[in-house]
Amino acid sequence: MLDKKTDTVLRLLMDKAKENYKVLNKKQLLAELPPKLHLDEQGMLATINFLKENEYVDVKYQDKDEICLATTVKASSYGENAGNVIQRANISAKQAVLLTVCVFLAAFCGALLAILIGKAL
């Protein structure tokens, strides 16, 4: 699972270059990223380098103003599976107490039944 900044950069790159090499302007990429991420050009390049090291993108070359890259199949499968995140159930305090009481009663009844069966035999 990628963090929020890396995920946002990867999704932008997947929109721009879907498994085909494409030359992208670094400043335009940076301008398309949300300002709330607080990424500068060096941070964006470090994120792209991280994605390259983890085989999400393949960088052919880069110079001062441009970068040529393509997203990989791993990036596509990450994009498809990112929505399948398991969420925790929202259990209220009342439900938790009720669940605890029910489990206790079930264990108590099981133990009582075992004692009664043991006495009968």
C-alpha atoms as a PDB file:
ATOM      1  CA  MET A   1       0.000   0.000   0.000  1.00  0.00           C
ATOM      2  CA  LEU A   2       1.378   3.367  -0.993  1.00  0.00           C
ATOM      3  CA  ASP A   3       1.115   6.527   1.068  1.00  0.00           C
ATOM      4  CA  LYS A   4      -1.124   9.405  -0.007  1.00  0.00           C
ATOM      5  CA  LYS A   5       1.550  11.434  -1.820  1.00  0.00           C
ATOM      6  CA  THR A   6       2.949   8.460  -3.712  1.00  0.00           C
ATOM      7  CA  ASP A   7      -0.533   7.226  -4.587  1.00  0.00           C
ATOM      8  CA  THR A   8      -1.515  10.657  -5.949  1.00  0.00           C
ATOM      9  CA  VAL A   9       1.659  10.944  -8.052  1.00  0.00           C
ATOM     10  CA  LEU A  10       1.186   7.395  -9.391  1.00  0.00           C
ATOM     11  CA  ARG A  11      -2.430   8.084 -10.355  1.00  0.00           C
ATOM     12  CA  LEU A  12      -1.370  11.258 -12.172  1.00  0.00           C
ATOM     13  CA  LEU A  13       1.332   9.357 -14.050  1.00  0.00           C
ATOM     14  CA  MET A  14      -1.139   6.608 -14.946  1.00  0.00           C
ATOM     15  CA  ASP A  15      -3.465   9.247 -16.402  1.00  0.00           C
ATOM     16  CA  LYS A  16      -0.648  10.750 -18.443  1.00  0.00           C
ATOM     17  CA  ALA A  17       1.242   7.640 -19.610  1.00  0.00           C
ATOM     18  CA  LYS A  18      -0.708   4.396 -19.611  1.00  0.00           C
ATOM     19  CA  GLU A  19       1.911   1.688 -20.222  1.00  0.00           C
ATOM     20  CA  ASN A  20       3.341   3.720 -23.114  1.00  0.00           C
ATOM     21  CA  TYR A  21       6.422   5.894 -22.924  1.00  0.00           C
ATOM     22  CA  LYS A  22       5.501   9.542 -22.887  1.00  0.00           C
ATOM     23  CA  VAL A  23       7.569  12.684 -22.488  1.00  0.00           C
ATOM     24  CA  LEU A  24       6.165  14.824 -19.693  1.00  0.00           C
ATOM     25  CA  ASN A  25       7.083  18.309 -18.562  1.00  0.00           C
ATOM     26  CA  LYS A  26       8.101  18.279 -14.892  1.00  0.00           C
ATOM     27  CA  LYS A  27       6.638  21.708 -14.148  1.00  0.00           C
ATOM     28  CA  GLN A  28       3.288  20.797 -15.690  1.00  0.00           C
ATOM     29  CA  LEU A  29       3.184  17.600 -13.633  1.00  0.00           C
ATOM     30  CA  LEU A  30       3.946  19.554 -10.492  1.00  0.00           C
ATOM     31  CA  ALA A  31       1.221  22.087 -11.334  1.00  0.00           C
ATOM     32  CA  GLU A  32      -1.361  19.298 -11.713  1.00  0.00           C
ATOM     33  CA  LEU A  33      -0.657  17.873  -8.260  1.00  0.00           C
ATOM     34  CA  PRO A  34      -2.917  19.095  -5.445  1.00  0.00           C
ATOM     35  CA  PRO A  35      -1.309  21.902  -3.409  1.00  0.00           C
ATOM     36  CA  LYS A  36      -2.286  20.210  -0.146  1.00  0.00           C
ATOM     37  CA  LEU A  37       0.441  17.594  -0.764  1.00  0.00           C
ATOM     38  CA  HIS A  38       3.125  20.288  -0.386  1.00  0.00           C
ATOM     39  CA  LEU A  39       5.389  18.669  -2.990  1.00  0.00           C
ATOM     40  CA  ASP A  40       8.162  20.619  -4.648  1.00  0.00           C
ATOM     41  CA  GLU A  41      10.035  19.460  -7.747  1.00  0.00           C
ATOM     42  CA  GLN A  42      12.648  17.549  -5.724  1.00  0.00           C
ATOM     43  CA  GLY A  43       9.940  15.803  -3.689  1.00  0.00           C
ATOM     44  CA  MET A  44       8.080  14.833  -6.855  1.00  0.00           C
ATOM     45  CA  LEU A  45      11.273  13.464  -8.419  1.00  0.00           C
ATOM     46  CA  ALA A  46      12.043  11.512  -5.239  1.00  0.00           C
ATOM     47  CA  THR A  47       8.534  10.034  -5.377  1.00  0.00           C
ATOM     48  CA  ILE A  48       8.978   9.096  -9.050  1.00  0.00           C
ATOM     49  CA  ASN A  49      12.345   7.535  -8.185  1.00  0.00           C
ATOM     50  CA  PHE A  50      10.657   5.514  -5.413  1.00  0.00           C
ATOM     51  CA  LEU A  51       8.024   4.346  -7.904  1.00  0.00           C
ATOM     52  CA  LYS A  52      10.794   3.401 -10.341  1.00  0.00           C
ATOM     53  CA  GLU A  53      12.674   1.396  -7.689  1.00  0.00           C
ATOM     54  CA  ASN A  54       9.465  -0.474  -6.804  1.00  0.00           C
ATOM     55  CA  GLU A  55       8.687  -1.119 -10.497  1.00  0.00           C
ATOM     56  CA  TYR A  56       5.532   0.973 -10.757  1.00  0.00           C
ATOM     57  CA  VAL A  57       7.032   3.159 -13.491  1.00  0.00           C
ATOM     58  CA  ASP A  58       9.847   2.752 -15.965  1.00  0.00           C
ATOM     59  CA  VAL A  59      11.880   5.897 -16.608  1.00  0.00           C
ATOM     60  CA  LYS A  60      13.609   5.969 -19.974  1.00  0.00           C
ATOM     61  CA  TYR A  61      15.388   9.285 -19.484  1.00  0.00           C
ATOM     62  CA  GLN A  62      15.066  12.623 -17.763  1.00  0.00           C
ATOM     63  CA  ASP A  63      16.679  15.986 -18.181  1.00  0.00           C
ATOM     64  CA  LYS A  64      16.272  19.395 -16.568  1.00  0.00           C
ATOM     65  CA  ASP A  65      12.729  20.062 -17.803  1.00  0.00           C
ATOM     66  CA  GLU A  66      11.317  16.754 -19.055  1.00  0.00           C
ATOM     67  CA  ILE A  67      10.997  13.134 -18.069  1.00  0.00           C
ATOM     68  CA  CYS A  68      10.165  10.193 -20.316  1.00  0.00           C
ATOM     69  CA  LEU A  69       8.381   7.384 -18.512  1.00  0.00           C
ATOM     70  CA  ALA A  70       5.754   4.676 -18.751  1.00  0.00           C
ATOM     71  CA  THR A  71       3.647   3.050 -16.087  1.00  0.00           C
ATOM     72  CA  THR A  72       3.967  -0.706 -15.674  1.00  0.00           C
ATOM     73  CA  VAL A  73       1.479  -3.526 -15.317  1.00  0.00           C
ATOM     74  CA  LYS A  74       2.143  -3.469 -11.569  1.00  0.00           C
ATOM     75  CA  ALA A  75       0.884   0.136 -11.461  1.00  0.00           C
ATOM     76  CA  SER A  76      -2.247  -0.821 -13.389  1.00  0.00           C
ATOM     77  CA  SER A  77      -3.020  -3.684 -11.041  1.00  0.00           C
ATOM     78  CA  TYR A  78      -2.408  -1.391  -8.039  1.00  0.00           C
ATOM     79  CA  GLY A  79      -4.868   1.118  -9.477  1.00  0.00           C
ATOM     80  CA  GLU A  80      -7.521  -1.576  -9.911  1.00  0.00           C
ATOM     81  CA  ASN A  81      -7.026  -3.078  -6.452  1.00  0.00           C
ATOM     82  CA  ALA A  82      -6.715   0.155  -4.467  1.00  0.00           C
ATOM     83  CA  GLY A  83     -10.485   0.397  -4.081  1.00  0.00           C
ATOM     84  CA  ASN A  84     -10.708  -3.055  -2.488  1.00  0.00           C
ATOM     85  CA  VAL A  85      -9.556  -1.911   0.930  1.00  0.00           C
ATOM     86  CA  ILE A  86     -11.116  -3.743   3.863  1.00  0.00           C
ATOM     87  CA  GLN A  87     -12.710  -1.385   6.334  1.00  0.00           C
ATOM     88  CA  ARG A  88     -13.177  -2.014  10.019  1.00  0.00           C
ATOM     89  CA  ALA A  89     -16.727  -2.487  11.237  1.00  0.00           C
ATOM     90  CA  ASN A  90     -18.176   0.423  13.152  1.00  0.00           C
ATOM     91  CA  ILE A  91     -19.293  -1.072  16.452  1.00  0.00           C
ATOM     92  CA  SER A  92     -20.844   1.236  19.013  1.00  0.00           C
ATOM     93  CA  ALA A  93     -20.090   0.934  22.720  1.00  0.00           C
ATOM     94  CA  LYS A  94     -23.579  -0.473  23.334  1.00  0.00           C
ATOM     95  CA  GLN A  95     -23.030  -3.217  20.756  1.00  0.00           C
ATOM     96  CA  ALA A  96     -19.616  -4.049  22.229  1.00  0.00           C
ATOM     97  CA  VAL A  97     -21.089  -4.471  25.727  1.00  0.00           C
ATOM     98  CA  LEU A  98     -23.918  -6.625  24.356  1.00  0.00           C
ATOM     99  CA  LEU A  99     -21.445  -8.767  22.436  1.00  0.00           C
ATOM    100  CA  THR A 100     -19.272  -9.232  25.547  1.00  0.00           C
ATOM    101  CA  VAL A 101     -22.278 -10.249  27.662  1.00  0.00           C
ATOM    102  CA  CYS A 102     -23.479 -12.719  25.025  1.00  0.00           C
ATOM    103  CA  VAL A 103     -20.046 -14.340  24.706  1.00  0.00           C
ATOM    104  CA  PHE A 104     -19.794 -14.621  28.503  1.00  0.00           C
ATOM    105  CA  LEU A 105     -23.270 -16.208  28.742  1.00  0.00           C
ATOM    106  CA  ALA A 106     -22.471 -18.670  25.940  1.00  0.00           C
ATOM    107  CA  ALA A 107     -19.244 -19.717  27.671  1.00  0.00           C
ATOM    108  CA  PHE A 108     -21.027 -20.024  31.023  1.00  0.00           C
ATOM    109  CA  CYS A 109     -23.818 -22.172  29.522  1.00  0.00           C
ATOM    110  CA  GLY A 110     -21.252 -24.379  27.771  1.00  0.00           C
ATOM    111  CA  ALA A 111     -19.366 -24.937  31.008  1.00  0.00           C
ATOM    112  CA  LEU A 112     -22.596 -25.634  32.920  1.00  0.00           C
ATOM    113  CA  LEU A 113     -23.680 -28.141  30.270  1.00  0.00           C
ATOM    114  CA  ALA A 114     -20.298 -29.880  30.453  1.00  0.00           C
ATOM    115  CA  ILE A 115     -20.615 -30.192  34.254  1.00  0.00           C
ATOM    116  CA  LEU A 116     -24.161 -31.594  33.995  1.00  0.00           C
ATOM    117  CA  ILE A 117     -23.105 -34.152  31.403  1.00  0.00           C
ATOM    118  CA  GLY A 118     -20.119 -35.113  33.544  1.00  0.00           C
ATOM    119  CA  LYS A 119     -22.347 -35.634  36.605  1.00  0.00           C
ATOM    120  CA  ALA A 120     -24.881 -37.707  34.614  1.00  0.00           C
ATOM    121  CA  LEU A 121     -22.221 -40.104  33.369  1.00  0.00           C
END
